[in-house]
Protein backbone atom coordinates (compact mmCIF):
# COMPACT_ATOMS: atom_id res chain seq x y z
CA MET A 1 103.10 67.28 152.14
CA GLY A 2 106.00 65.65 150.46
CA LEU A 3 106.76 65.21 146.80
CA LEU A 4 105.60 61.58 146.90
CA THR A 5 102.18 62.69 148.13
CA PHE A 6 101.77 65.15 145.26
CA ILE A 7 102.84 62.50 142.77
CA ALA A 8 100.34 59.98 144.18
CA LEU A 9 97.48 62.51 144.16
CA GLY A 10 98.29 63.79 140.67
CA GLY A 11 98.79 60.33 139.24
CA GLY A 12 95.52 59.17 140.73
CA ALA A 13 93.70 62.19 139.31
CA VAL A 14 95.05 61.56 135.81
CA ALA A 15 94.27 57.85 136.02
CA GLY A 16 90.70 58.58 137.15
CA VAL A 17 90.00 60.85 134.19
CA ALA A 18 91.66 58.48 131.71
CA ALA A 19 89.96 55.35 133.04
CA ALA A 20 86.36 56.60 133.14
CA PRO A 21 85.65 56.40 129.37
CA LEU A 22 87.39 53.03 129.17
CA VAL A 23 85.28 51.62 132.00
CA LEU A 24 82.07 52.98 130.48
CA GLY A 25 82.87 51.31 127.16
CA ALA A 26 83.90 48.06 128.82
CA ILE A 27 80.57 47.70 130.62
CA GLY A 28 78.59 48.49 127.47
CA PHE A 29 77.91 52.24 127.39
CA THR A 30 79.31 52.99 123.91
CA SER A 31 79.09 55.85 121.42
CA ALA A 32 76.85 53.65 119.26
CA GLY A 33 74.43 52.92 122.12
CA ILE A 34 74.15 50.23 124.74
CA ALA A 35 75.92 47.05 123.66
CA ALA A 36 73.73 43.95 123.43
CA GLY A 37 74.36 41.36 126.13
CA SER A 38 76.45 43.74 128.25
CA TYR A 39 76.18 44.79 131.87
CA ALA A 40 74.74 48.09 130.59
CA ALA A 41 72.01 46.16 128.76
CA SER A 42 71.13 44.37 132.01
CA MET A 43 70.95 47.71 133.82
CA MET A 44 68.73 49.15 131.09
CA SER A 45 66.43 46.14 131.19
CA ALA A 46 66.03 46.35 134.97
CA ALA A 47 65.36 50.09 134.78
CA ALA A 48 62.74 49.59 132.07
CA VAL A 49 60.97 46.87 134.05
CA ALA A 50 60.96 49.05 137.18
CA ASN A 51 59.56 52.02 135.26
CA GLY A 52 56.82 50.25 133.32
CA GLY A 53 58.71 49.80 130.07
CA GLY A 54 60.82 52.93 129.71
CA VAL A 55 64.06 54.30 131.05
CA ALA A 56 63.50 57.55 132.93
CA ALA A 57 65.38 60.64 131.78
CA GLY A 58 68.02 61.56 134.33
CA SER A 59 68.27 58.01 135.68
CA LEU A 60 71.66 56.38 136.23
CA VAL A 61 71.33 54.38 133.00
CA ALA A 62 70.44 57.50 131.00
CA VAL A 63 73.31 59.53 132.48
CA LEU A 64 75.88 56.77 131.93
CA GLN A 65 74.71 56.25 128.33
CA ALA A 66 74.95 59.97 127.64
CA ALA A 67 78.51 59.94 129.01
CA GLY A 68 79.36 56.86 126.95
CA ALA A 69 77.98 58.43 123.77
CA ALA A 70 79.20 62.01 124.08
CA GLY A 71 82.04 61.83 126.58
CA LEU A 72 82.26 63.25 130.04
CA SER A 73 81.33 66.79 130.96
CA THR A 74 83.74 69.09 132.75
CA ALA A 75 81.95 68.41 136.04
CA ALA A 76 82.23 64.65 135.50
CA ASN A 77 85.94 64.98 134.69
CA VAL A 78 86.45 66.95 137.91
CA ALA A 79 84.59 64.24 139.86
CA MET A 80 86.72 61.49 138.27
CA ALA A 81 89.92 63.43 139.01
CA SER A 82 88.86 63.89 142.64
CA THR A 83 88.02 60.22 142.98
CA GLY A 84 91.32 59.22 141.38
CA ALA A 85 93.28 61.54 143.65
CA GLY A 86 91.52 60.01 146.66
CA VAL A 87 92.46 56.52 145.50
CA GLY A 88 96.05 57.62 144.88
CA GLY A 89 96.28 59.14 148.37
CA THR A 90 94.79 56.03 149.93
CA VAL A 91 97.22 53.74 148.12
CA LEU A 92 100.12 55.92 149.25
CA ALA A 93 98.89 55.81 152.86
CA VAL A 94 98.64 52.03 152.75
CA LEU A 95 102.11 51.63 151.26
CA ILE A 96 103.84 53.93 153.75
């Protein structure tokens, strides 16, 4: 592997970790709860309708809201770094 490959993978990993909280907030999963009128509110509404009025613990909506409120766990940060590195490697492959 060349230096450019390591730079692309590392840059993608850093971008993935940095972007995750921003994306969560932008779609409505905030530290103060789910933002009214947001995409997150639509997801929560659909989950509640599907589950007879409540949002199930451990569901995607619950997990994303927990991450939006408290931040990402170490495991989630590792997953975001891996995803970002994959994107960085893919972009490099396309450009070369």
